[in-house]
C-alpha atoms as a PDB file:
ATOM      1  CA  MET A   1       0.000   0.000   0.000  1.00  0.00           C
ATOM      2  CA  ALA A   2       1.452   3.346  -1.023  1.00  0.00           C
ATOM      3  CA  LYS A   3       2.283   5.723   1.704  1.00  0.00           C
ATOM      4  CA  SER A   4       0.339   8.968   1.786  1.00  0.00           C
ATOM      5  CA  SER A   5       2.227  11.923   0.407  1.00  0.00           C
ATOM      6  CA  LYS A   6       0.764  14.149   3.139  1.00  0.00           C
ATOM      7  CA  THR A   7       3.095  14.986   5.920  1.00  0.00           C
ATOM      8  CA  ALA A   8       1.885  15.138   9.499  1.00  0.00           C
ATOM      9  CA  PRO A   9       1.325  18.697  10.759  1.00  0.00           C
ATOM     10  CA  LYS A  10       4.104  20.018  12.928  1.00  0.00           C
ATOM     11  CA  ARG A  11       3.244  20.346  16.585  1.00  0.00           C
ATOM     12  CA  ALA A  12       3.525  23.832  17.937  1.00  0.00           C
ATOM     13  CA  LYS A  13       6.310  24.158  20.464  1.00  0.00           C
ATOM     14  CA  PRO A  14       4.935  24.897  23.916  1.00  0.00           C
ATOM     15  CA  LYS A  15       5.546  28.448  24.941  1.00  0.00           C
ATOM     16  CA  LYS A  16       7.918  28.922  27.788  1.00  0.00           C
ATOM     17  CA  ALA A  17       6.234  30.372  30.813  1.00  0.00           C
ATOM     18  CA  LYS A  18       7.401  33.865  31.517  1.00  0.00           C
ATOM     19  CA  PRO A  19       9.221  34.127  34.822  1.00  0.00           C
ATOM     20  CA  VAL A  20       7.104  35.807  37.472  1.00  0.00           C
ATOM     21  CA  LYS A  21       8.541  39.192  38.273  1.00  0.00           C
ATOM     22  CA  PRO A  22       8.947  39.593  42.025  1.00  0.00           C
ATOM     23  CA  GLN A  23       6.700  42.282  43.480  1.00  0.00           C
ATOM     24  CA  ILE A  24       8.480  45.280  44.903  1.00  0.00           C
ATOM     25  CA  PHE A  25       6.984  46.737  48.053  1.00  0.00           C
ATOM     26  CA  ASN A  26       8.139  48.626  51.116  1.00  0.00           C
ATOM     27  CA  ILE A  27       8.255  47.247  54.650  1.00  0.00           C
ATOM     28  CA  MET A  28       7.446  49.478  57.604  1.00  0.00           C
ATOM     29  CA  MET A  29       7.604  49.026  61.349  1.00  0.00           C
ATOM     30  CA  VAL A  30       7.486  51.422  64.302  1.00  0.00           C
ATOM     31  CA  GLY A  31      10.689  51.889  66.275  1.00  0.00           C
ATOM     32  CA  GLN A  32      10.918  53.681  69.595  1.00  0.00           C
ATOM     33  CA  GLY A  33      12.816  53.547  72.859  1.00  0.00           C
ATOM     34  CA  GLY A  34      12.706  50.437  75.012  1.00  0.00           C
ATOM     35  CA  ARG A  35      12.086  46.948  73.716  1.00  0.00           C
ATOM     36  CA  LEU A  36      10.699  47.993  70.311  1.00  0.00           C
ATOM     37  CA  GLN A  37      14.088  49.258  69.110  1.00  0.00           C
ATOM     38  CA  PHE A  38      15.752  45.912  69.870  1.00  0.00           C
ATOM     39  CA  GLU A  39      12.867  43.990  68.322  1.00  0.00           C
ATOM     40  CA  ALA A  40      13.106  46.172  65.208  1.00  0.00           C
ATOM     41  CA  LEU A  41      16.798  45.376  64.868  1.00  0.00           C
ATOM     42  CA  THR A  42      16.076  41.652  65.248  1.00  0.00           C
ATOM     43  CA  LEU A  43      13.311  41.840  62.636  1.00  0.00           C
ATOM     44  CA  VAL A  44      15.505  43.639  60.093  1.00  0.00           C
ATOM     45  CA  ALA A  45      18.422  41.285  60.721  1.00  0.00           C
ATOM     46  CA  SER A  46      16.104  38.335  60.029  1.00  0.00           C
ATOM     47  CA  LEU A  47      14.897  40.000  56.823  1.00  0.00           C
ATOM     48  CA  ARG A  48      18.444  40.482  55.524  1.00  0.00           C
ATOM     49  CA  HIS A  49      19.348  36.919  56.540  1.00  0.00           C
ATOM     50  CA  THR A  50      16.397  35.193  54.858  1.00  0.00           C
ATOM     51  CA  ASN A  51      15.691  37.647  52.002  1.00  0.00           C
ATOM     52  CA  PRO A  52      19.082  39.034  50.930  1.00  0.00           C
ATOM     53  CA  ASP A  53      17.673  40.161  47.560  1.00  0.00           C
ATOM     54  CA  PHE A  54      14.724  42.134  48.959  1.00  0.00           C
ATOM     55  CA  LYS A  55      14.400  45.228  46.729  1.00  0.00           C
ATOM     56  CA  GLY A  56      11.956  47.407  48.649  1.00  0.00           C
ATOM     57  CA  ARG A  57      12.678  50.111  51.164  1.00  0.00           C
ATOM     58  CA  VAL A  58      12.799  49.172  54.841  1.00  0.00           C
ATOM     59  CA  ILE A  59      11.473  52.017  56.962  1.00  0.00           C
ATOM     60  CA  VAL A  60      11.500  52.310  60.731  1.00  0.00           C
ATOM     61  CA  ALA A  61       9.014  55.049  61.606  1.00  0.00           C
ATOM     62  CA  GLU A  62      10.073  56.849  64.780  1.00  0.00           C
ATOM     63  CA  PRO A  63       7.582  58.884  66.839  1.00  0.00           C
ATOM     64  CA  GLN A  64       8.924  62.269  67.913  1.00  0.00           C
ATOM     65  CA  PHE A  65       8.583  63.870  71.326  1.00  0.00           C
ATOM     66  CA  ASN A  66       5.674  66.318  71.423  1.00  0.00           C
ATOM     67  CA  HIS A  67       2.667  67.212  73.577  1.00  0.00           C
ATOM     68  CA  ARG A  68       1.157  63.759  73.010  1.00  0.00           C
ATOM     69  CA  TRP A  69       3.932  62.074  75.023  1.00  0.00           C
ATOM     70  CA  ASP A  70       4.837  62.288  78.700  1.00  0.00           C
ATOM     71  CA  ALA A  71       8.335  60.924  77.944  1.00  0.00           C
ATOM     72  CA  ASP A  72      10.535  61.033  74.857  1.00  0.00           C
ATOM     73  CA  PRO A  73       9.586  58.008  72.685  1.00  0.00           C
ATOM     74  CA  ARG A  74      12.571  58.225  70.339  1.00  0.00           C
ATOM     75  CA  MET A  75      15.243  55.520  70.038  1.00  0.00           C
ATOM     76  CA  ALA A  76      17.956  56.910  72.292  1.00  0.00           C
ATOM     77  CA  ASN A  77      20.301  53.937  71.864  1.00  0.00           C
ATOM     78  CA  HIS A  78      22.877  55.039  69.272  1.00  0.00           C
ATOM     79  CA  ASP A  79      24.233  51.497  68.914  1.00  0.00           C
ATOM     80  CA  VAL A  80      20.793  50.331  67.784  1.00  0.00           C
ATOM     81  CA  ARG A  81      20.400  53.254  65.389  1.00  0.00           C
ATOM     82  CA  ASP A  82      23.818  52.625  63.845  1.00  0.00           C
ATOM     83  CA  ALA A  83      23.118  48.890  63.512  1.00  0.00           C
ATOM     84  CA  LEU A  84      19.756  49.530  61.816  1.00  0.00           C
ATOM     85  CA  GLN A  85      21.308  51.953  59.346  1.00  0.00           C
ATOM     86  CA  SER A  86      24.141  49.512  58.606  1.00  0.00           C
ATOM     87  CA  LEU A  87      21.407  47.070  57.513  1.00  0.00           C
ATOM     88  CA  GLY A  88      19.997  49.588  55.046  1.00  0.00           C
ATOM     89  CA  VAL A  89      17.150  50.856  57.193  1.00  0.00           C
ATOM     90  CA  GLU A  90      15.715  54.345  56.782  1.00  0.00           C
ATOM     91  CA  ILE A  91      14.762  55.829  60.158  1.00  0.00           C
ATOM     92  CA  VAL A  92      11.979  58.295  59.381  1.00  0.00           C
ATOM     93  CA  PRO A  93      10.487  60.612  62.053  1.00  0.00           C
ATOM     94  CA  PHE A  94       6.774  61.287  62.401  1.00  0.00           C
ATOM     95  CA  ASP A  95       4.632  63.333  64.776  1.00  0.00           C
ATOM     96  CA  ASN A  96       1.698  61.903  66.683  1.00  0.00           C
ATOM     97  CA  GLN A  97      -1.243  64.242  66.205  1.00  0.00           C
ATOM     98  CA  ILE A  98      -4.007  62.013  67.580  1.00  0.00           C
ATOM     99  CA  PHE A  99      -2.782  59.246  69.897  1.00  0.00           C
ATOM    100  CA  GLY A 100       0.667  59.278  71.564  1.00  0.00           C
ATOM    101  CA  CYS A 101       1.177  57.791  75.025  1.00  0.00           C
ATOM    102  CA  GLY A 102      -2.589  57.648  75.650  1.00  0.00           C
ATOM    103  CA  TYR A 103      -2.795  54.889  73.048  1.00  0.00           C
ATOM    104  CA  PRO A 104       0.674  53.891  71.786  1.00  0.00           C
ATOM    105  CA  TYR A 105      -0.807  51.196  69.518  1.00  0.00           C
ATOM    106  CA  GLY A 106      -2.027  54.147  67.463  1.00  0.00           C
ATOM    107  CA  ASN A 107       1.570  54.591  66.275  1.00  0.00           C
ATOM    108  CA  LYS A 108       0.995  52.007  63.556  1.00  0.00           C
ATOM    109  CA  ILE A 109      -1.941  54.072  62.283  1.00  0.00           C
ATOM    110  CA  GLU A 110      -0.307  57.493  62.336  1.00  0.00           C
ATOM    111  CA  ALA A 111       3.077  56.224  61.083  1.00  0.00           C
ATOM    112  CA  LEU A 112       1.630  55.196  57.718  1.00  0.00           C
ATOM    113  CA  LYS A 113       1.921  58.832  56.622  1.00  0.00           C
ATOM    114  CA  VAL A 114       5.727  58.510  56.351  1.00  0.00           C
ATOM    115  CA  LEU A 115       5.449  55.971  53.531  1.00  0.00           C
ATOM    116  CA  PRO A 116       5.505  57.055  49.870  1.00  0.00           C
ATOM    117  CA  GLU A 117       1.993  57.505  48.513  1.00  0.00           C
ATOM    118  CA  GLY A 118       0.930  55.038  45.853  1.00  0.00           C
ATOM    119  CA  GLU A 119       3.620  52.431  46.638  1.00  0.00           C
ATOM    120  CA  PRO A 120       2.583  49.014  48.022  1.00  0.00           C
ATOM    121  CA  PHE A 121       3.555  48.430  51.633  1.00  0.00           C
ATOM    122  CA  LEU A 122       3.648  45.688  54.242  1.00  0.00           C
ATOM    123  CA  PHE A 123       3.389  46.737  57.876  1.00  0.00           C
ATOM    124  CA  LEU A 124       4.935  44.400  60.468  1.00  0.00           C
ATOM    125  CA  ASP A 125       4.921  44.582  64.247  1.00  0.00           C
ATOM    126  CA  THR A 126       8.480  44.647  65.556  1.00  0.00           C
ATOM    127  CA  ASP A 127       7.934  41.423  67.525  1.00  0.00           C
ATOM    128  CA  THR A 128       8.064  39.508  64.247  1.00  0.00           C
ATOM    129  CA  LEU A 129      10.778  37.255  62.846  1.00  0.00           C
ATOM    130  CA  ILE A 130      11.064  36.656  59.104  1.00  0.00           C
ATOM    131  CA  THR A 131      11.880  32.997  58.567  1.00  0.00           C
ATOM    132  CA  GLY A 132      11.264  32.425  54.843  1.00  0.00           C
ATOM    133  CA  ASP A 133      11.126  33.869  51.352  1.00  0.00           C
ATOM    134  CA  LEU A 134       8.732  36.819  51.130  1.00  0.00           C
ATOM    135  CA  SER A 135       8.694  36.575  47.323  1.00  0.00           C
ATOM    136  CA  LYS A 136       6.714  33.323  47.633  1.00  0.00           C
ATOM    137  CA  VAL A 137       3.819  35.058  49.400  1.00  0.00           C
ATOM    138  CA  PRO A 138       1.040  35.690  46.832  1.00  0.00           C
ATOM    139  CA  PHE A 139       0.337  39.274  47.843  1.00  0.00           C
ATOM    140  CA  ASP A 140      -2.483  41.005  46.015  1.00  0.00           C
ATOM    141  CA  PHE A 141      -1.973  44.586  47.138  1.00  0.00           C
ATOM    142  CA  ASP A 142      -5.386  45.556  45.766  1.00  0.00           C
ATOM    143  CA  ARG A 143      -7.005  43.124  48.201  1.00  0.00           C
ATOM    144  CA  PRO A 144      -5.794  43.846  51.725  1.00  0.00           C
ATOM    145  CA  THR A 145      -5.866  41.464  54.647  1.00  0.00           C
ATOM    146  CA  ALA A 146      -4.207  41.062  58.035  1.00  0.00           C
ATOM    147  CA  SER A 147      -3.103  38.367  60.447  1.00  0.00           C
ATOM    148  CA  MET A 148      -5.570  35.627  61.335  1.00  0.00           C
ATOM    149  CA  LYS A 149      -3.367  34.499  64.225  1.00  0.00           C
ATOM    150  CA  ARG A 150      -5.692  35.764  66.931  1.00  0.00           C
ATOM    151  CA  GLU A 151      -7.935  34.787  69.817  1.00  0.00           C
ATOM    152  CA  ASN A 152     -11.430  36.035  70.675  1.00  0.00           C
ATOM    153  CA  THR A 153     -10.104  39.028  72.598  1.00  0.00           C
ATOM    154  CA  TRP A 154     -12.798  41.508  71.474  1.00  0.00           C
ATOM    155  CA  PRO A 155     -15.639  42.038  72.072  1.00  0.00           C
ATOM    156  CA  GLN A 156     -16.135  40.583  75.539  1.00  0.00           C
ATOM    157  CA  LEU A 157     -19.833  39.832  75.866  1.00  0.00           C
ATOM    158  CA  GLU A 158     -21.755  40.881  78.976  1.00  0.00           C
ATOM    159  CA  LEU A 159     -24.657  38.936  80.477  1.00  0.00           C
ATOM    160  CA  TYR A 160     -27.874  40.332  78.995  1.00  0.00           C
ATOM    161  CA  GLY A 161     -25.799  42.688  76.825  1.00  0.00           C
ATOM    162  CA  PRO A 162     -25.616  42.890  73.033  1.00  0.00           C
ATOM    163  CA  GLY A 163     -24.136  39.925  71.163  1.00  0.00           C
ATOM    164  CA  TYR A 164     -21.590  39.746  68.342  1.00  0.00           C
ATOM    165  CA  ASN A 165     -24.195  40.504  65.685  1.00  0.00           C
ATOM    166  CA  GLN A 166     -25.347  43.662  67.423  1.00  0.00           C
ATOM    167  CA  ILE A 167     -21.863  44.916  68.323  1.00  0.00           C
ATOM    168  CA  TRP A 168     -20.158  44.312  64.990  1.00  0.00           C
ATOM    169  CA  GLY A 169     -23.310  45.178  63.059  1.00  0.00           C
ATOM    170  CA  SER A 170     -23.485  48.586  64.753  1.00  0.00           C
ATOM    171  CA  LEU A 171     -19.942  49.377  63.609  1.00  0.00           C
ATOM    172  CA  TYR A 172     -20.586  48.418  59.995  1.00  0.00           C
ATOM    173  CA  LYS A 173     -23.765  50.500  60.079  1.00  0.00           C
ATOM    174  CA  LYS A 174     -21.893  53.496  61.510  1.00  0.00           C
ATOM    175  CA  PHE A 175     -19.553  53.577  58.530  1.00  0.00           C
ATOM    176  CA  GLY A 176     -22.084  52.612  55.867  1.00  0.00           C
ATOM    177  CA  LEU A 177     -20.521  49.197  55.218  1.00  0.00           C
ATOM    178  CA  ASP A 178     -22.221  45.963  54.208  1.00  0.00           C
ATOM    179  CA  PHE A 179     -22.149  43.752  57.290  1.00  0.00           C
ATOM    180  CA  GLU A 180     -23.508  40.552  55.745  1.00  0.00           C
ATOM    181  CA  SER A 181     -20.723  40.278  53.156  1.00  0.00           C
ATOM    182  CA  SER A 182     -18.100  40.359  55.930  1.00  0.00           C
ATOM    183  CA  LEU A 183     -19.407  37.215  57.641  1.00  0.00           C
ATOM    184  CA  ASP A 184     -17.872  33.756  57.389  1.00  0.00           C
ATOM    185  CA  THR A 185     -21.077  31.757  57.244  1.00  0.00           C
ATOM    186  CA  SER A 186     -19.250  28.452  57.688  1.00  0.00           C
ATOM    187  CA  TYR A 187     -19.391  29.313  61.396  1.00  0.00           C
ATOM    188  CA  PRO A 188     -22.667  29.521  63.343  1.00  0.00           C
ATOM    189  CA  ASP A 189     -24.426  32.705  64.344  1.00  0.00           C
ATOM    190  CA  GLU A 190     -22.913  34.381  67.439  1.00  0.00           C
ATOM    191  CA  TYR A 191     -19.673  32.381  67.244  1.00  0.00           C
ATOM    192  CA  TRP A 192     -16.708  34.788  67.257  1.00  0.00           C
ATOM    193  CA  ARG A 193     -14.937  33.361  64.194  1.00  0.00           C
ATOM    194  CA  ARG A 194     -17.956  34.192  62.047  1.00  0.00           C
ATOM    195  CA  TYR A 195     -17.044  37.890  62.330  1.00  0.00           C
ATOM    196  CA  LEU A 196     -14.166  39.614  60.556  1.00  0.00           C
ATOM    197  CA  TYR A 197     -11.475  40.075  63.193  1.00  0.00           C
ATOM    198  CA  PHE A 198      -7.710  40.294  62.762  1.00  0.00           C
ATOM    199  CA  ASN A 199      -4.536  40.573  64.733  1.00  0.00           C
ATOM    200  CA  ALA A 200      -2.844  43.817  63.629  1.00  0.00           C
ATOM    201  CA  GLY A 201       0.611  42.204  63.561  1.00  0.00           C
ATOM    202  CA  PHE A 202       0.707  42.620  59.782  1.00  0.00           C
ATOM    203  CA  PHE A 203      -1.396  44.293  57.130  1.00  0.00           C
ATOM    204  CA  TYR A 204      -0.757  45.593  53.629  1.00  0.00           C
ATOM    205  CA  TYR A 205      -2.269  47.574  50.776  1.00  0.00           C
ATOM    206  CA  ARG A 206      -1.422  49.261  47.506  1.00  0.00           C
ATOM    207  CA  CYS A 207      -1.291  52.782  49.006  1.00  0.00           C
ATOM    208  CA  PRO A 208      -0.338  53.743  52.580  1.00  0.00           C
ATOM    209  CA  LYS A 209      -2.087  57.116  52.397  1.00  0.00           C
ATOM    210  CA  GLU A 210      -5.423  55.645  51.356  1.00  0.00           C
ATOM    211  CA  PHE A 211      -5.159  52.896  53.964  1.00  0.00           C
ATOM    212  CA  GLY A 212      -3.839  55.185  56.701  1.00  0.00           C
ATOM    213  CA  ASP A 213      -6.455  57.890  56.170  1.00  0.00           C
ATOM    214  CA  ARG A 214      -9.279  55.345  56.370  1.00  0.00           C
ATOM    215  CA  PHE A 215      -7.744  53.543  59.373  1.00  0.00           C
ATOM    216  CA  LEU A 216      -7.329  56.827  61.249  1.00  0.00           C
ATOM    217  CA  GLU A 217     -10.837  58.020  60.360  1.00  0.00           C
ATOM    218  CA  TYR A 218     -12.430  54.839  61.693  1.00  0.00           C
ATOM    219  CA  ALA A 219     -10.248  54.570  64.819  1.00  0.00           C
ATOM    220  CA  ARG A 220     -10.941  58.175  65.840  1.00  0.00           C
ATOM    221  CA  ALA A 221     -14.665  57.834  65.230  1.00  0.00           C
ATOM    222  CA  ILE A 222     -14.877  54.640  67.296  1.00  0.00           C
ATOM    223  CA  ARG A 223     -12.870  56.216  70.120  1.00  0.00           C
ATOM    224  CA  ASP A 224     -14.711  59.538  70.180  1.00  0.00           C
ATOM    225  CA  ASP A 225     -18.244  58.530  69.190  1.00  0.00           C
ATOM    226  CA  PRO A 226     -18.806  54.780  69.585  1.00  0.00           C
ATOM    227  CA  PRO A 227     -22.177  53.183  68.877  1.00  0.00           C
ATOM    228  CA  GLU A 228     -24.225  52.629  72.037  1.00  0.00           C
ATOM    229  CA  GLU A 229     -23.742  48.855  71.638  1.00  0.00           C
ATOM    230  CA  LEU A 230     -20.081  49.391  72.623  1.00  0.00           C
ATOM    231  CA  VAL A 231     -20.867  51.102  75.936  1.00  0.00           C
ATOM    232  CA  CYS A 232     -19.569  48.171  78.023  1.00  0.00           C
ATOM    233  CA  GLN A 233     -16.619  47.352  75.761  1.00  0.00           C
ATOM    234  CA  GLU A 234     -12.999  48.100  76.686  1.00  0.00           C
ATOM    235  CA  MET A 235     -11.198  49.812  73.790  1.00  0.00           C
ATOM    236  CA  LYS A 236      -7.650  49.722  75.210  1.00  0.00           C
ATOM    237  CA  PRO A 237      -5.660  48.002  73.828  1.00  0.00           C
ATOM    238  CA  TRP A 238      -8.135  46.769  71.197  1.00  0.00           C
ATOM    239  CA  LEU A 239      -9.031  49.943  69.274  1.00  0.00           C
ATOM    240  CA  ASP A 240      -6.665  49.258  66.348  1.00  0.00           C
ATOM    241  CA  GLN A 241      -7.954  45.706  66.015  1.00  0.00           C
ATOM    242  CA  VAL A 242     -11.556  46.908  66.043  1.00  0.00           C
ATOM    243  CA  ALA A 243     -10.947  49.536  63.342  1.00  0.00           C
ATOM    244  CA  LEU A 244      -8.710  47.293  61.214  1.00  0.00           C
ATOM    245  CA  PRO A 245     -11.310  44.831  59.832  1.00  0.00           C
ATOM    246  CA  LEU A 246     -13.626  47.726  59.013  1.00  0.00           C
ATOM    247  CA  THR A 247     -10.801  49.465  57.156  1.00  0.00           C
ATOM    248  CA  ILE A 248      -9.876  46.326  55.229  1.00  0.00           C
ATOM    249  CA  HIS A 249     -13.488  45.527  54.359  1.00  0.00           C
ATOM    250  CA  SER A 250     -14.107  49.089  53.147  1.00  0.00           C
ATOM    251  CA  LEU A 251     -11.124  48.799  50.766  1.00  0.00           C
ATOM    252  CA  GLY A 252     -12.324  45.580  49.162  1.00  0.00           C
ATOM    253  CA  GLY A 253     -10.306  43.182  51.290  1.00  0.00           C
ATOM    254  CA  GLY A 254     -11.125  40.521  53.832  1.00  0.00           C
ATOM    255  CA  ARG A 255      -9.996  36.985  54.593  1.00  0.00           C
ATOM    256  CA  VAL A 256      -7.184  35.970  52.228  1.00  0.00           C
ATOM    257  CA  PRO A 257      -6.032  32.593  53.581  1.00  0.00           C
ATOM    258  CA  GLU A 258      -3.455  31.997  50.841  1.00  0.00           C
ATOM    259  CA  VAL A 259      -1.567  35.007  52.245  1.00  0.00           C
ATOM    260  CA  SER A 260      -2.390  34.896  55.941  1.00  0.00           C
ATOM    261  CA  ASP A 261      -1.635  31.174  56.235  1.00  0.00           C
ATOM    262  CA  MET A 262       1.863  31.696  54.795  1.00  0.00           C
ATOM    263  CA  LEU A 263       2.673  34.796  56.813  1.00  0.00           C
ATOM    264  CA  ASP A 264       1.180  33.479  60.047  1.00  0.00           C
ATOM    265  CA  HIS A 265       2.724  30.014  59.896  1.00  0.00           C
ATOM    266  CA  GLU A 266       5.564  29.745  57.357  1.00  0.00           C
ATOM    267  CA  VAL A 267       7.315  32.918  56.231  1.00  0.00           C
ATOM    268  CA  THR A 268       7.060  35.008  59.389  1.00  0.00           C
ATOM    269  CA  SER A 269       6.626  34.370  63.089  1.00  0.00           C
ATOM    270  CA  HIS A 270       4.760  36.963  65.166  1.00  0.00           C
ATOM    271  CA  TYR A 271       6.193  35.643  68.394  1.00  0.00           C
ATOM    272  CA  ARG A 272       4.978  38.440  70.741  1.00  0.00           C
ATOM    273  CA  VAL A 273       7.712  37.916  73.374  1.00  0.00           C
ATOM    274  CA  LEU A 274      10.761  35.670  73.362  1.00  0.00           C
ATOM    275  CA  PRO A 275       9.572  33.233  76.071  1.00  0.00           C
ATOM    276  CA  LEU A 276       6.476  32.550  73.933  1.00  0.00           C
ATOM    277  CA  LEU A 277       8.656  32.022  70.866  1.00  0.00           C
ATOM    278  CA  TYR A 278      10.637  29.329  72.646  1.00  0.00           C
ATOM    279  CA  ALA A 279       7.502  27.808  74.145  1.00  0.00           C
ATOM    280  CA  ARG A 280       5.409  27.360  71.037  1.00  0.00           C
ATOM    281  CA  GLU A 281       7.125  28.138  67.730  1.00  0.00           C
ATOM    282  CA  ARG A 282       8.453  25.437  65.434  1.00  0.00           C
ATOM    283  CA  ASP A 283      12.127  24.367  65.429  1.00  0.00           C
ATOM    284  CA  GLU A 284      12.850  26.344  62.255  1.00  0.00           C
ATOM    285  CA  VAL A 285      11.910  29.613  63.979  1.00  0.00           C
ATOM    286  CA  VAL A 286      14.310  28.963  66.848  1.00  0.00           C
ATOM    287  CA  ARG A 287      17.055  28.001  64.411  1.00  0.00           C
ATOM    288  CA  VAL A 288      16.618  31.181  62.371  1.00  0.00           C
ATOM    289  CA  LEU A 289      16.500  33.369  65.480  1.00  0.00           C
ATOM    290  CA  GLU A 290      19.750  31.969  66.841  1.00  0.00           C
ATOM    291  CA  GLU A 291      21.503  32.126  63.450  1.00  0.00           C
ATOM    292  CA  VAL A 292      20.380  35.705  62.882  1.00  0.00           C
ATOM    293  CA  LEU A 293      21.613  36.899  66.271  1.00  0.00           C
ATOM    294  CA  ALA A 294      24.938  35.038  66.199  1.00  0.00           C
ATOM    295  CA  PRO A 295      27.194  37.626  64.432  1.00  0.00           C
ATOM    296  CA  ASN A 296      29.362  39.508  66.901  1.00  0.00           C
ATOM    297  CA  LYS A 297      28.400  42.929  65.508  1.00  0.00           C
ATOM    298  CA  LEU A 298      24.772  42.275  66.391  1.00  0.00           C
ATOM    299  CA  LYS A 299      25.558  40.459  69.605  1.00  0.00           C
ATOM    300  CA  LYS A 300      27.381  43.494  71.025  1.00  0.00           C
ATOM    301  CA  VAL A 301      24.257  45.577  70.523  1.00  0.00           C
ATOM    302  CA  LEU A 302      21.481  43.132  71.315  1.00  0.00           C
ATOM    303  CA  LYS A 303      22.953  41.779  74.537  1.00  0.00           C
ATOM    304  CA  GLN A 304      22.047  45.163  76.036  1.00  0.00           C
ATOM    305  CA  TYR A 305      18.433  43.955  75.973  1.00  0.00           C
ATOM    306  CA  GLU A 306      17.879  41.555  78.863  1.00  0.00           C
ATOM    307  CA  PRO A 307      15.343  39.172  77.235  1.00  0.00           C
ATOM    308  CA  ILE A 308      17.679  38.577  74.262  1.00  0.00           C
ATOM    309  CA  ARG A 309      20.731  38.313  76.472  1.00  0.00           C
ATOM    310  CA  LYS A 310      19.121  35.725  78.745  1.00  0.00           C
ATOM    311  CA  MET A 311      16.784  33.871  76.376  1.00  0.00           C
ATOM    312  CA  VAL A 312      19.157  33.609  73.404  1.00  0.00           C
ATOM    313  CA  TYR A 313      22.751  34.186  74.462  1.00  0.00           C
ATOM    314  CA  GLN A 314      22.470  32.539  77.912  1.00  0.00           C
ATOM    315  CA  GLN A 315      20.144  29.861  76.421  1.00  0.00           C
ATOM    316  CA  LYS A 316      17.407  30.170  79.026  1.00  0.00           C
ATOM    317  CA  GLY A 317      14.999  29.974  76.108  1.00  0.00           C
ATOM    318  CA  LEU A 318      15.886  26.304  75.719  1.00  0.00           C
ATOM    319  CA  LYS A 319      14.730  25.714  79.318  1.00  0.00           C
ATOM    320  CA  VAL A 320      11.392  27.252  78.401  1.00  0.00           C
ATOM    321  CA  ARG A 321      11.267  25.094  75.282  1.00  0.00           C
ATOM    322  CA  ASP A 322      11.772  21.917  77.283  1.00  0.00           C
ATOM    323  CA  MET A 323       8.709  22.756  79.401  1.00  0.00           C
ATOM    324  CA  PHE A 324       6.208  22.354  76.535  1.00  0.00           C
ATOM    325  CA  ASP A 325       5.036  19.746  74.058  1.00  0.00           C
ATOM    326  CA  ARG A 326       4.431  21.733  70.867  1.00  0.00           C
ATOM    327  CA  THR A 327       2.064  19.061  69.585  1.00  0.00           C
ATOM    328  CA  ASN A 328      -0.140  19.544  72.659  1.00  0.00           C
ATOM    329  CA  LEU A 329       0.072  23.140  73.801  1.00  0.00           C
ATOM    330  CA  PRO A 330      -2.475  24.708  76.149  1.00  0.00           C
ATOM    331  CA  ARG A 331      -5.341  26.198  74.153  1.00  0.00           C
ATOM    332  CA  ARG A 332      -5.084  29.636  75.748  1.00  0.00           C
ATOM    333  CA  GLU A 333      -1.971  31.776  75.586  1.00  0.00           C
ATOM    334  CA  GLN A 334      -2.487  32.880  79.195  1.00  0.00           C
ATOM    335  CA  ALA A 335      -1.966  29.310  80.395  1.00  0.00           C
ATOM    336  CA  ILE A 336       1.424  29.214  78.630  1.00  0.00           C
ATOM    337  CA  ARG A 337       2.383  32.560  80.149  1.00  0.00           C
ATOM    338  CA  ASN A 338       1.408  31.398  83.650  1.00  0.00           C
ATOM    339  CA  GLN A 339       3.496  28.242  83.384  1.00  0.00           C
ATOM    340  CA  ILE A 340       6.563  30.225  82.293  1.00  0.00           C
ATOM    341  CA  LYS A 341       6.022  32.727  85.113  1.00  0.00           C
ATOM    342  CA  ARG A 342       5.834  29.945  87.688  1.00  0.00           C
ATOM    343  CA  ALA A 343       9.250  28.786  86.471  1.00  0.00           C
ATOM    344  CA  LYS A 344      10.507  32.401  86.866  1.00  0.00           C
ATOM    345  CA  LEU A 345      11.537  32.553  83.226  1.00  0.00           C
ATOM    346  CA  TRP A 346       9.060  35.176  82.040  1.00  0.00           C
ATOM    347  CA  MET A 347      10.510  38.407  80.645  1.00  0.00           C
ATOM    348  CA  ARG A 348       9.728  40.988  77.986  1.00  0.00           C
END
């Protein structure tokens, strides 16, 4: 049988996937006197250790002494300042106009004004360690979110008082926001996880001015003119965490588990205080912490801070670590704190 003279069509060569261009964004934290300056140095050192090719600006926003403070909040330790600048940090001053020492957590709200308008940013609390590659986090800076590593700290319900629906609903109503679309309906009515609530340890957006203006507007309004459903609710230290989900929801964000899961559990560790880090964080976090703080240049500076000197350099953190089974930790953080305190190893 004669072969056909037709030739088989050539297969198109598969197109090579274009390499994904890493997103460039700025990182901001608040640095001031006391423990925050040492935590900021630890955070930045961990960033440079784990993300040596990070292209964005790293900004430590420093509150300045004015009428809002009863003591100078600036970083007075010149060794810390020099070490931060040697790691490529920009220390940028800002003035508190609204909060100050009456509500120092408001620093993270007011400090956003030091960031360049229109440039994506990631805010991190200083008590955070970067343990992995930030370029692997699928940030969508048009869709903000924040940390889901939280407990049901607010609101605290009173007997015969308003429930979660009434309290959170009154806040959404105050700002003209759609309450129903914020709910996670996989959880039952009046269960705290049903309601949008974040830890403010990290958050991000495409523009710090837009985010900061909205965050400040909501926080001030809640502080100065709260809905009557909040009459029994304590707002210190929770004001930022009450205003944050409203801010995020108003800007088209919400729960973004593909980001929060990575930042909360893989790429960063919001450890809060060093004894808690040793008590409950995974082995990789401890390894990174001790590697990051090993260089003599950093050691000379950071040993001035007692919790780092004792927990890391004198290895008391390992004693704390031996006290806990990380596969069976107490459900409440307070129980972990109490156990460490009984062993006289608590410090911050």
